Amino acid sequence: MVKKFKEFLNEDISADGFKLWARDAHDTARNINTIFKGRTKWFSKPEPIHIAELCQLYKELCPAMEIHMPGVVDKIFQPDIIRKLGYPVDDNGMVHWQ
């Protein structure tokens, strides 16, 4: 479940000098959720996705982001930012759906 927009208002979603504002954080979390839902099987939750693969799937889902703001998607997909969006990332770089 994606956090509500209001939950992102008072959070600092940043890492390594890159910051997502509340609207961008909410939209990114919704898009990641869409990717996970697309990989859902009957009566089971989605399998974890490696952060690099998730980044590539995100670029395919939102190709205009990479065209209008080159490199921004790669900056978003840092483990610290993904964790702050509400998705657990393990030591192997696997992003888990809640």
C-alpha atoms as a PDB file:
ATOM      1  CA  MET A   1       0.000   0.000   0.000  1.00  0.00           C
ATOM      2  CA  VAL A   2       1.308   3.393  -0.983  1.00  0.00           C
ATOM      3  CA  LYS A   3       1.461   6.110   1.652  1.00  0.00           C
ATOM      4  CA  LYS A   4      -0.982   8.940   1.262  1.00  0.00           C
ATOM      5  CA  PHE A   5       0.262  12.239  -0.119  1.00  0.00           C
ATOM      6  CA  LYS A   6      -0.099  13.935   3.268  1.00  0.00           C
ATOM      7  CA  GLU A   7       2.298  11.413   4.811  1.00  0.00           C
ATOM      8  CA  PHE A   8       5.073  12.610   2.501  1.00  0.00           C
ATOM      9  CA  LEU A   9       4.594  16.305   3.363  1.00  0.00           C
ATOM     10  CA  ASN A  10       6.681  16.290   6.530  1.00  0.00           C
ATOM     11  CA  GLU A  11       9.233  13.675   5.451  1.00  0.00           C
ATOM     12  CA  ASP A  12      12.703  14.279   4.113  1.00  0.00           C
ATOM     13  CA  ILE A  13      12.997  12.008   1.084  1.00  0.00           C
ATOM     14  CA  SER A  14      16.621  12.655   0.172  1.00  0.00           C
ATOM     15  CA  ALA A  15      19.990  10.939  -0.175  1.00  0.00           C
ATOM     16  CA  ASP A  16      23.401  11.975  -1.500  1.00  0.00           C
ATOM     17  CA  GLY A  17      22.285  15.515  -2.295  1.00  0.00           C
ATOM     18  CA  PHE A  18      19.182  14.481  -4.240  1.00  0.00           C
ATOM     19  CA  LYS A  19      15.735  15.325  -2.843  1.00  0.00           C
ATOM     20  CA  LEU A  20      12.231  14.284  -3.830  1.00  0.00           C
ATOM     21  CA  TRP A  21       9.457  16.704  -2.956  1.00  0.00           C
ATOM     22  CA  ALA A  22       6.201  15.342  -1.542  1.00  0.00           C
ATOM     23  CA  ARG A  23       4.306  15.158  -4.866  1.00  0.00           C
ATOM     24  CA  ASP A  24       7.249  13.528  -6.644  1.00  0.00           C
ATOM     25  CA  ALA A  25       7.731  11.054  -3.796  1.00  0.00           C
ATOM     26  CA  HIS A  26       4.050  10.115  -3.820  1.00  0.00           C
ATOM     27  CA  ASP A  27       3.991   9.672  -7.605  1.00  0.00           C
ATOM     28  CA  THR A  28       7.191   7.611  -7.529  1.00  0.00           C
ATOM     29  CA  ALA A  29       5.807   5.334  -4.816  1.00  0.00           C
ATOM     30  CA  ARG A  30       2.586   4.869  -6.816  1.00  0.00           C
ATOM     31  CA  ASN A  31       4.572   3.983  -9.935  1.00  0.00           C
ATOM     32  CA  ILE A  32       6.716   1.469  -8.029  1.00  0.00           C
ATOM     33  CA  ASN A  33       3.522  -0.033  -6.649  1.00  0.00           C
ATOM     34  CA  THR A  34       2.187  -0.339 -10.218  1.00  0.00           C
ATOM     35  CA  ILE A  35       5.327  -2.235 -11.242  1.00  0.00           C
ATOM     36  CA  PHE A  36       4.951  -4.641  -8.321  1.00  0.00           C
ATOM     37  CA  LYS A  37       1.240  -5.159  -8.974  1.00  0.00           C
ATOM     38  CA  GLY A  38       2.038  -6.052 -12.577  1.00  0.00           C
ATOM     39  CA  ARG A  39       4.183  -8.916 -11.276  1.00  0.00           C
ATOM     40  CA  THR A  40       1.623 -10.267  -8.819  1.00  0.00           C
ATOM     41  CA  LYS A  41       0.569 -13.892  -9.113  1.00  0.00           C
ATOM     42  CA  TRP A  42      -2.687 -15.417  -7.969  1.00  0.00           C
ATOM     43  CA  PHE A  43      -2.993 -15.497  -4.164  1.00  0.00           C
ATOM     44  CA  SER A  44       0.587 -14.430  -3.523  1.00  0.00           C
ATOM     45  CA  LYS A  45       2.419 -11.185  -3.131  1.00  0.00           C
ATOM     46  CA  PRO A  46       4.971 -10.065  -5.736  1.00  0.00           C
ATOM     47  CA  GLU A  47       8.493 -11.417  -5.649  1.00  0.00           C
ATOM     48  CA  PRO A  48      11.274  -8.983  -4.684  1.00  0.00           C
ATOM     49  CA  ILE A  49      12.905  -7.079  -7.545  1.00  0.00           C
ATOM     50  CA  HIS A  50      16.566  -6.068  -7.661  1.00  0.00           C
ATOM     51  CA  ILE A  51      16.898  -2.291  -7.432  1.00  0.00           C
ATOM     52  CA  ALA A  52      18.701  -2.081 -10.815  1.00  0.00           C
ATOM     53  CA  GLU A  53      15.922  -4.065 -12.511  1.00  0.00           C
ATOM     54  CA  LEU A  54      13.284  -1.950 -10.782  1.00  0.00           C
ATOM     55  CA  CYS A  55      15.026   1.177 -12.068  1.00  0.00           C
ATOM     56  CA  GLN A  56      14.938  -0.204 -15.618  1.00  0.00           C
ATOM     57  CA  LEU A  57      11.252  -1.143 -15.303  1.00  0.00           C
ATOM     58  CA  TYR A  58      10.534   2.363 -13.999  1.00  0.00           C
ATOM     59  CA  LYS A  59      12.272   3.891 -17.019  1.00  0.00           C
ATOM     60  CA  GLU A  60      10.070   1.740 -19.273  1.00  0.00           C
ATOM     61  CA  LEU A  61       6.951   2.797 -17.359  1.00  0.00           C
ATOM     62  CA  CYS A  62       7.837   6.507 -17.444  1.00  0.00           C
ATOM     63  CA  PRO A  63      10.028   7.062 -20.523  1.00  0.00           C
ATOM     64  CA  ALA A  64       9.326  10.805 -20.612  1.00  0.00           C
ATOM     65  CA  MET A  65      11.129  11.313 -17.292  1.00  0.00           C
ATOM     66  CA  GLU A  66      14.411  10.162 -18.770  1.00  0.00           C
ATOM     67  CA  ILE A  67      13.893  12.301 -21.879  1.00  0.00           C
ATOM     68  CA  HIS A  68      13.008  15.524 -20.036  1.00  0.00           C
ATOM     69  CA  MET A  69      15.291  15.063 -17.029  1.00  0.00           C
ATOM     70  CA  PRO A  70      18.178  12.721 -17.990  1.00  0.00           C
ATOM     71  CA  GLY A  71      19.638  10.796 -15.064  1.00  0.00           C
ATOM     72  CA  VAL A  72      16.919  11.666 -12.561  1.00  0.00           C
ATOM     73  CA  VAL A  73      15.496   8.124 -12.450  1.00  0.00           C
ATOM     74  CA  ASP A  74      18.926   6.747 -11.556  1.00  0.00           C
ATOM     75  CA  LYS A  75      19.157   9.288  -8.730  1.00  0.00           C
ATOM     76  CA  ILE A  76      15.748   8.212  -7.392  1.00  0.00           C
ATOM     77  CA  PHE A  77      16.702   4.546  -7.227  1.00  0.00           C
ATOM     78  CA  GLN A  78      19.102   4.736  -4.309  1.00  0.00           C
ATOM     79  CA  PRO A  79      18.401   2.305  -1.460  1.00  0.00           C
ATOM     80  CA  ASP A  80      17.951   5.143   1.073  1.00  0.00           C
ATOM     81  CA  ILE A  81      15.318   6.893  -1.038  1.00  0.00           C
ATOM     82  CA  ILE A  82      13.461   3.677  -1.856  1.00  0.00           C
ATOM     83  CA  ARG A  83      13.334   2.833   1.877  1.00  0.00           C
ATOM     84  CA  LYS A  84      11.951   6.293   2.672  1.00  0.00           C
ATOM     85  CA  LEU A  85       9.248   5.742   0.055  1.00  0.00           C
ATOM     86  CA  GLY A  86       8.123   2.743   2.102  1.00  0.00           C
ATOM     87  CA  TYR A  87       9.737  -0.211   0.331  1.00  0.00           C
ATOM     88  CA  PRO A  88      12.200  -2.399   2.247  1.00  0.00           C
ATOM     89  CA  VAL A  89      15.576  -2.900   0.543  1.00  0.00           C
ATOM     90  CA  ASP A  90      17.788  -5.733   1.783  1.00  0.00           C
ATOM     91  CA  ASP A  91      21.599  -5.922   1.758  1.00  0.00           C
ATOM     92  CA  ASN A  92      21.593  -7.645  -1.644  1.00  0.00           C
ATOM     93  CA  GLY A  93      19.730  -4.725  -3.254  1.00  0.00           C
ATOM     94  CA  MET A  94      16.417  -6.552  -3.472  1.00  0.00           C
ATOM     95  CA  VAL A  95      13.366  -4.289  -3.117  1.00  0.00           C
ATOM     96  CA  HIS A  96      10.413  -5.951  -1.378  1.00  0.00           C
ATOM     97  CA  TRP A  97       6.747  -5.169  -1.700  1.00  0.00           C
ATOM     98  CA  GLN A  98       4.913  -4.771   1.601  1.00  0.00           C
END
